[in-house]
Amino acid sequence: NAKYAAMVHSVDDAMGRVLQTLDELDLFDETMIIFTSDNGGLVPKTSNVPLRNGKGSPYEGGIRVPWIVHLPGVTRPGTVDATPVITCDIKPTVLEALQISATDSAAVDGIPVQRLVSDEAACSRSLFWHFPHYRKPWTPYAVIRKGPYKLIRWFEDNECELYDLEEDLGEQHNLAAAQPQQTQVMVEELDAWLTSVNARLPQPRASP
């Protein structure tokens, strides 16, 4: 898809100009850079193989994206870390780098990347996604990632899918029926999180 490819190419060019300018102004080593995306590639205009599906879906092709960080004094060039992060981590990462404390009126939902590179307990947290509306072909869903396991809960039919991402990155084998205890534990944690954040849930449409 020429238009899609051109869009991605223009992002590459723009990022290159930003980095070149920082280097020319001798500001590169004083600048934090976080490069990521809000979703995976749009299928079928592009392919996210071996990840399943793409933008808008609860599968890895829709929510697993690149995360590239340049943080002077913390990150090292060429280092790859498999610790899962989420966009909610951007705000606390920036605040910590600037040595600014969040006020009560600016609650922070996330963990600084600076901690994730050294704090094993922080790395073991659960991650959550919530998509309570319709976007063809997807119906409302919520997701929890806990360790290697990922659970997708579909609200319309109250069905769940469970995957072990370490063994099945392509999400081809639904383990929900084979591992009911693991499924239940994750459903309960997901429900507790939805309640704690006062998440909006899908509601039946009112009769005319």
C-alpha atoms as a PDB file:
ATOM      1  CA  ASN A   1       0.000   0.000   0.000  1.00  0.00           C
ATOM      2  CA  ALA A   2       1.869   3.029  -1.319  1.00  0.00           C
ATOM      3  CA  LYS A   3       0.082   5.630   0.842  1.00  0.00           C
ATOM      4  CA  TYR A   4       0.630   3.619   4.020  1.00  0.00           C
ATOM      5  CA  ALA A   5       4.290   3.050   3.182  1.00  0.00           C
ATOM      6  CA  ALA A   6       4.740   6.760   2.421  1.00  0.00           C
ATOM      7  CA  MET A   7       3.232   7.695   5.776  1.00  0.00           C
ATOM      8  CA  VAL A   8       5.631   5.412   7.654  1.00  0.00           C
ATOM      9  CA  HIS A   9       8.544   6.699   5.564  1.00  0.00           C
ATOM     10  CA  SER A  10       7.634  10.310   6.410  1.00  0.00           C
ATOM     11  CA  VAL A  11       7.674   9.479  10.130  1.00  0.00           C
ATOM     12  CA  ASP A  12      11.167   8.003   9.703  1.00  0.00           C
ATOM     13  CA  ASP A  13      12.330  11.144   7.885  1.00  0.00           C
ATOM     14  CA  ALA A  14      10.839  13.468  10.512  1.00  0.00           C
ATOM     15  CA  MET A  15      12.389  11.520  13.377  1.00  0.00           C
ATOM     16  CA  GLY A  16      15.737  11.650  11.620  1.00  0.00           C
ATOM     17  CA  ARG A  17      15.533  15.440  11.300  1.00  0.00           C
ATOM     18  CA  VAL A  18      14.712  15.791  15.005  1.00  0.00           C
ATOM     19  CA  LEU A  19      17.686  13.627  16.019  1.00  0.00           C
ATOM     20  CA  GLN A  20      20.022  15.407  13.621  1.00  0.00           C
ATOM     21  CA  THR A  21      18.973  18.803  14.989  1.00  0.00           C
ATOM     22  CA  LEU A  22      19.497  17.685  18.587  1.00  0.00           C
ATOM     23  CA  ASP A  23      22.957  16.477  17.628  1.00  0.00           C
ATOM     24  CA  GLU A  24      23.825  19.723  15.801  1.00  0.00           C
ATOM     25  CA  LEU A  25      22.737  21.765  18.836  1.00  0.00           C
ATOM     26  CA  ASP A  26      24.709  19.478  21.170  1.00  0.00           C
ATOM     27  CA  LEU A  27      21.487  18.625  23.030  1.00  0.00           C
ATOM     28  CA  PHE A  28      21.200  14.908  22.295  1.00  0.00           C
ATOM     29  CA  ASP A  29      22.747  13.807  25.594  1.00  0.00           C
ATOM     30  CA  GLU A  30      20.435  16.149  27.513  1.00  0.00           C
ATOM     31  CA  THR A  31      17.213  15.042  25.835  1.00  0.00           C
ATOM     32  CA  MET A  32      14.838  12.196  26.657  1.00  0.00           C
ATOM     33  CA  ILE A  33      13.354  10.528  23.586  1.00  0.00           C
ATOM     34  CA  ILE A  34      10.466   8.047  23.683  1.00  0.00           C
ATOM     35  CA  PHE A  35       9.381   6.600  20.350  1.00  0.00           C
ATOM     36  CA  THR A  36       6.343   4.321  20.312  1.00  0.00           C
ATOM     37  CA  SER A  37       2.903   3.823  18.763  1.00  0.00           C
ATOM     38  CA  ASP A  38      -0.648   3.689  20.081  1.00  0.00           C
ATOM     39  CA  ASN A  39      -1.494   0.496  18.171  1.00  0.00           C
ATOM     40  CA  GLY A  40      -0.185  -2.091  15.752  1.00  0.00           C
ATOM     41  CA  GLY A  41      -0.223  -1.914  11.975  1.00  0.00           C
ATOM     42  CA  LEU A  42      -3.546  -1.653  10.133  1.00  0.00           C
ATOM     43  CA  VAL A  43      -4.492  -4.971   8.516  1.00  0.00           C
ATOM     44  CA  PRO A  44      -4.635  -5.721   5.576  1.00  0.00           C
ATOM     45  CA  LYS A  45      -2.641  -2.655   4.522  1.00  0.00           C
ATOM     46  CA  THR A  46       0.311  -4.095   6.416  1.00  0.00           C
ATOM     47  CA  SER A  47       1.284  -7.330   8.163  1.00  0.00           C
ATOM     48  CA  ASN A  48       2.204  -7.855  11.803  1.00  0.00           C
ATOM     49  CA  VAL A  49       3.208 -11.518  11.409  1.00  0.00           C
ATOM     50  CA  PRO A  50       4.024 -13.464  13.583  1.00  0.00           C
ATOM     51  CA  LEU A  51       1.645 -11.414  15.743  1.00  0.00           C
ATOM     52  CA  ARG A  52      -2.064 -12.024  15.274  1.00  0.00           C
ATOM     53  CA  ASN A  53      -4.225  -9.391  13.590  1.00  0.00           C
ATOM     54  CA  GLY A  54      -3.697  -5.633  13.947  1.00  0.00           C
ATOM     55  CA  LYS A  55      -5.043  -2.198  14.850  1.00  0.00           C
ATOM     56  CA  GLY A  56      -8.241  -2.242  16.913  1.00  0.00           C
ATOM     57  CA  SER A  57      -7.938  -5.885  17.933  1.00  0.00           C
ATOM     58  CA  PRO A  58      -7.100  -7.227  21.399  1.00  0.00           C
ATOM     59  CA  TYR A  59      -4.506  -9.580  19.921  1.00  0.00           C
ATOM     60  CA  GLU A  60      -0.776  -8.870  19.990  1.00  0.00           C
ATOM     61  CA  GLY A  61      -0.821  -7.446  16.476  1.00  0.00           C
ATOM     62  CA  GLY A  62      -3.088  -4.719  17.806  1.00  0.00           C
ATOM     63  CA  ILE A  63      -1.454  -3.826  21.120  1.00  0.00           C
ATOM     64  CA  ARG A  64       2.192  -4.926  20.992  1.00  0.00           C
ATOM     65  CA  VAL A  65       4.237  -2.069  19.526  1.00  0.00           C
ATOM     66  CA  PRO A  66       7.858  -0.843  19.402  1.00  0.00           C
ATOM     67  CA  TRP A  67       9.065   1.175  22.386  1.00  0.00           C
ATOM     68  CA  ILE A  68      12.414   2.890  21.874  1.00  0.00           C
ATOM     69  CA  VAL A  69      13.832   5.026  24.676  1.00  0.00           C
ATOM     70  CA  HIS A  70      16.875   7.271  24.883  1.00  0.00           C
ATOM     71  CA  LEU A  71      17.237   8.349  28.507  1.00  0.00           C
ATOM     72  CA  PRO A  72      20.643   9.861  29.318  1.00  0.00           C
ATOM     73  CA  GLY A  73      22.282   8.166  32.284  1.00  0.00           C
ATOM     74  CA  VAL A  74      19.814   5.259  32.278  1.00  0.00           C
ATOM     75  CA  THR A  75      19.612   3.525  28.891  1.00  0.00           C
ATOM     76  CA  ARG A  76      22.534   2.118  26.936  1.00  0.00           C
ATOM     77  CA  PRO A  77      22.702   2.118  23.107  1.00  0.00           C
ATOM     78  CA  GLY A  78      21.818  -1.211  21.518  1.00  0.00           C
ATOM     79  CA  THR A  79      20.247  -2.661  24.677  1.00  0.00           C
ATOM     80  CA  VAL A  80      17.052  -4.707  24.302  1.00  0.00           C
ATOM     81  CA  ASP A  81      14.801  -5.352  27.318  1.00  0.00           C
ATOM     82  CA  ALA A  82      11.793  -7.688  27.130  1.00  0.00           C
ATOM     83  CA  THR A  83      10.021  -6.179  30.164  1.00  0.00           C
ATOM     84  CA  PRO A  84       6.451  -5.237  29.099  1.00  0.00           C
ATOM     85  CA  VAL A  85       5.645  -1.530  29.353  1.00  0.00           C
ATOM     86  CA  ILE A  86       2.555   0.503  28.505  1.00  0.00           C
ATOM     87  CA  THR A  87       1.914   4.093  27.427  1.00  0.00           C
ATOM     88  CA  CYS A  88       0.714   4.900  30.972  1.00  0.00           C
ATOM     89  CA  ASP A  89       4.407   4.629  31.914  1.00  0.00           C
ATOM     90  CA  ILE A  90       5.365   7.701  29.870  1.00  0.00           C
ATOM     91  CA  LYS A  91       4.133  10.289  32.356  1.00  0.00           C
ATOM     92  CA  PRO A  92       5.905   8.861  35.450  1.00  0.00           C
ATOM     93  CA  THR A  93       9.053   8.312  33.368  1.00  0.00           C
ATOM     94  CA  VAL A  94       9.143  11.985  32.391  1.00  0.00           C
ATOM     95  CA  LEU A  95       8.310  13.164  35.929  1.00  0.00           C
ATOM     96  CA  GLU A  96      11.088  11.069  37.443  1.00  0.00           C
ATOM     97  CA  ALA A  97      13.633  12.230  34.879  1.00  0.00           C
ATOM     98  CA  LEU A  98      12.755  15.848  35.730  1.00  0.00           C
ATOM     99  CA  GLN A  99      12.695  15.041  39.453  1.00  0.00           C
ATOM    100  CA  ILE A 100       9.116  16.273  39.752  1.00  0.00           C
ATOM    101  CA  SER A 101       6.618  14.665  42.129  1.00  0.00           C
ATOM    102  CA  ALA A 102       3.054  14.139  40.944  1.00  0.00           C
ATOM    103  CA  THR A 103       0.444  16.054  42.923  1.00  0.00           C
ATOM    104  CA  ASP A 104      -2.733  14.477  44.242  1.00  0.00           C
ATOM    105  CA  SER A 105      -4.657  16.208  41.482  1.00  0.00           C
ATOM    106  CA  ALA A 106      -2.420  14.627  38.841  1.00  0.00           C
ATOM    107  CA  ALA A 107      -2.629  10.933  39.669  1.00  0.00           C
ATOM    108  CA  VAL A 108      -0.083   8.751  37.900  1.00  0.00           C
ATOM    109  CA  ASP A 109      -1.157   5.388  36.520  1.00  0.00           C
ATOM    110  CA  GLY A 110       2.108   3.741  35.548  1.00  0.00           C
ATOM    111  CA  ILE A 111       5.697   3.008  36.566  1.00  0.00           C
ATOM    112  CA  PRO A 112       8.821   4.933  35.532  1.00  0.00           C
ATOM    113  CA  VAL A 113      10.966   3.076  33.021  1.00  0.00           C
ATOM    114  CA  GLN A 114      13.895   3.921  35.304  1.00  0.00           C
ATOM    115  CA  ARG A 115      12.443   1.518  37.903  1.00  0.00           C
ATOM    116  CA  LEU A 116      11.537  -1.155  35.392  1.00  0.00           C
ATOM    117  CA  VAL A 117      15.185  -1.650  34.433  1.00  0.00           C
ATOM    118  CA  SER A 118      16.171  -2.452  38.015  1.00  0.00           C
ATOM    119  CA  ASP A 119      13.079  -3.379  40.077  1.00  0.00           C
ATOM    120  CA  GLU A 120      12.016  -7.008  39.663  1.00  0.00           C
ATOM    121  CA  ALA A 121       8.802  -6.449  41.652  1.00  0.00           C
ATOM    122  CA  ALA A 122       7.762  -3.632  39.326  1.00  0.00           C
ATOM    123  CA  CYS A 123       8.304  -5.886  36.334  1.00  0.00           C
ATOM    124  CA  SER A 124       5.843  -8.464  37.679  1.00  0.00           C
ATOM    125  CA  ARG A 125       2.809  -6.137  37.612  1.00  0.00           C
ATOM    126  CA  SER A 126      -0.293  -6.818  35.525  1.00  0.00           C
ATOM    127  CA  LEU A 127      -1.136  -4.676  32.503  1.00  0.00           C
ATOM    128  CA  PHE A 128      -4.668  -3.786  31.404  1.00  0.00           C
ATOM    129  CA  TRP A 129      -6.496  -2.580  28.280  1.00  0.00           C
ATOM    130  CA  HIS A 130     -10.158  -1.626  27.990  1.00  0.00           C
ATOM    131  CA  PHE A 131     -12.090  -1.210  24.731  1.00  0.00           C
ATOM    132  CA  PRO A 132     -15.776  -0.843  25.668  1.00  0.00           C
ATOM    133  CA  HIS A 133     -17.166   0.010  22.228  1.00  0.00           C
ATOM    134  CA  TYR A 134     -17.666  -1.402  18.762  1.00  0.00           C
ATOM    135  CA  ARG A 135     -15.205  -1.069  15.907  1.00  0.00           C
ATOM    136  CA  LYS A 136     -15.921  -3.499  13.105  1.00  0.00           C
ATOM    137  CA  PRO A 137     -15.230  -6.359  13.243  1.00  0.00           C
ATOM    138  CA  TRP A 138     -14.449  -6.062  16.970  1.00  0.00           C
ATOM    139  CA  THR A 139     -16.990  -6.074  19.770  1.00  0.00           C
ATOM    140  CA  PRO A 140     -16.289  -4.595  23.258  1.00  0.00           C
ATOM    141  CA  TYR A 141     -13.475  -6.270  25.185  1.00  0.00           C
ATOM    142  CA  ALA A 142     -11.013  -5.898  28.045  1.00  0.00           C
ATOM    143  CA  VAL A 143      -7.557  -7.459  28.366  1.00  0.00           C
ATOM    144  CA  ILE A 144      -5.201  -8.375  31.194  1.00  0.00           C
ATOM    145  CA  ARG A 145      -1.558  -9.386  30.756  1.00  0.00           C
ATOM    146  CA  LYS A 146      -0.068 -11.155  33.797  1.00  0.00           C
ATOM    147  CA  GLY A 147       3.365 -12.725  33.407  1.00  0.00           C
ATOM    148  CA  PRO A 148       3.316 -14.897  30.297  1.00  0.00           C
ATOM    149  CA  TYR A 149      -0.480 -15.159  30.344  1.00  0.00           C
ATOM    150  CA  LYS A 150      -2.917 -12.916  28.537  1.00  0.00           C
ATOM    151  CA  LEU A 151      -6.674 -13.025  28.926  1.00  0.00           C
ATOM    152  CA  ILE A 152      -9.205 -11.399  26.610  1.00  0.00           C
ATOM    153  CA  ARG A 153     -12.733 -10.938  27.916  1.00  0.00           C
ATOM    154  CA  TRP A 154     -15.454 -10.326  25.327  1.00  0.00           C
ATOM    155  CA  PHE A 155     -18.368  -8.468  26.904  1.00  0.00           C
ATOM    156  CA  GLU A 156     -21.009  -9.216  24.272  1.00  0.00           C
ATOM    157  CA  ASP A 157     -21.069 -12.976  24.856  1.00  0.00           C
ATOM    158  CA  ASN A 158     -19.113 -13.022  28.172  1.00  0.00           C
ATOM    159  CA  GLU A 159     -16.556 -15.391  26.671  1.00  0.00           C
ATOM    160  CA  CYS A 160     -12.844 -15.451  27.505  1.00  0.00           C
ATOM    161  CA  GLU A 161      -9.681 -16.391  25.640  1.00  0.00           C
ATOM    162  CA  LEU A 162      -6.462 -17.288  27.454  1.00  0.00           C
ATOM    163  CA  TYR A 163      -3.020 -17.448  25.837  1.00  0.00           C
ATOM    164  CA  ASP A 164       0.508 -18.227  27.027  1.00  0.00           C
ATOM    165  CA  LEU A 165       2.523 -15.662  25.081  1.00  0.00           C
ATOM    166  CA  GLU A 166       5.863 -17.299  25.884  1.00  0.00           C
ATOM    167  CA  GLU A 167       4.737 -20.508  24.188  1.00  0.00           C
ATOM    168  CA  ASP A 168       2.235 -19.089  21.715  1.00  0.00           C
ATOM    169  CA  LEU A 169       3.091 -15.553  20.589  1.00  0.00           C
ATOM    170  CA  GLY A 170       0.742 -15.883  17.615  1.00  0.00           C
ATOM    171  CA  GLU A 171      -2.220 -16.607  19.947  1.00  0.00           C
ATOM    172  CA  GLN A 172      -3.384 -19.699  18.103  1.00  0.00           C
ATOM    173  CA  HIS A 173      -4.227 -21.895  21.096  1.00  0.00           C
ATOM    174  CA  ASN A 174      -6.972 -20.701  23.444  1.00  0.00           C
ATOM    175  CA  LEU A 175      -6.255 -22.248  26.872  1.00  0.00           C
ATOM    176  CA  ALA A 176      -9.395 -20.979  28.659  1.00  0.00           C
ATOM    177  CA  ALA A 177     -11.118 -24.383  28.707  1.00  0.00           C
ATOM    178  CA  ALA A 178      -7.933 -26.310  29.524  1.00  0.00           C
ATOM    179  CA  GLN A 179      -6.878 -23.973  32.367  1.00  0.00           C
ATOM    180  CA  PRO A 180     -10.115 -22.842  34.093  1.00  0.00           C
ATOM    181  CA  GLN A 181      -8.377 -21.939  37.371  1.00  0.00           C
ATOM    182  CA  GLN A 182      -5.866 -19.615  35.677  1.00  0.00           C
ATOM    183  CA  THR A 183      -8.703 -18.129  33.641  1.00  0.00           C
ATOM    184  CA  GLN A 184     -10.796 -17.433  36.742  1.00  0.00           C
ATOM    185  CA  VAL A 185      -7.897 -15.830  38.623  1.00  0.00           C
ATOM    186  CA  MET A 186      -7.277 -13.437  35.748  1.00  0.00           C
ATOM    187  CA  VAL A 187     -10.975 -12.658  35.235  1.00  0.00           C
ATOM    188  CA  GLU A 188     -11.274 -11.709  38.909  1.00  0.00           C
ATOM    189  CA  GLU A 189      -8.213  -9.450  38.752  1.00  0.00           C
ATOM    190  CA  LEU A 190      -9.468  -7.837  35.550  1.00  0.00           C
ATOM    191  CA  ASP A 191     -12.915  -7.217  37.067  1.00  0.00           C
ATOM    192  CA  ALA A 192     -11.328  -5.742  40.202  1.00  0.00           C
ATOM    193  CA  TRP A 193      -9.262  -3.347  38.071  1.00  0.00           C
ATOM    194  CA  LEU A 194     -12.296  -2.289  36.004  1.00  0.00           C
ATOM    195  CA  THR A 195     -14.112  -1.493  39.239  1.00  0.00           C
ATOM    196  CA  SER A 196     -11.154   0.364  40.757  1.00  0.00           C
ATOM    197  CA  VAL A 197     -10.874   2.742  37.789  1.00  0.00           C
ATOM    198  CA  ASN A 198     -14.640   3.122  37.434  1.00  0.00           C
ATOM    199  CA  ALA A 199     -14.409   1.866  33.864  1.00  0.00           C
ATOM    200  CA  ARG A 200     -17.370   2.382  31.585  1.00  0.00           C
ATOM    201  CA  LEU A 201     -18.908  -0.910  30.532  1.00  0.00           C
ATOM    202  CA  PRO A 202     -21.055  -1.665  27.493  1.00  0.00           C
ATOM    203  CA  GLN A 203     -24.766  -1.118  28.144  1.00  0.00           C
ATOM    204  CA  PRO A 204     -27.773  -2.476  26.202  1.00  0.00           C
ATOM    205  CA  ARG A 205     -29.201   0.128  23.874  1.00  0.00           C
ATOM    206  CA  ALA A 206     -32.422   1.671  25.225  1.00  0.00           C
ATOM    207  CA  SER A 207     -35.641   0.843  23.397  1.00  0.00           C
ATOM    208  CA  PRO A 208     -36.898   3.651  21.140  1.00  0.00           C
END
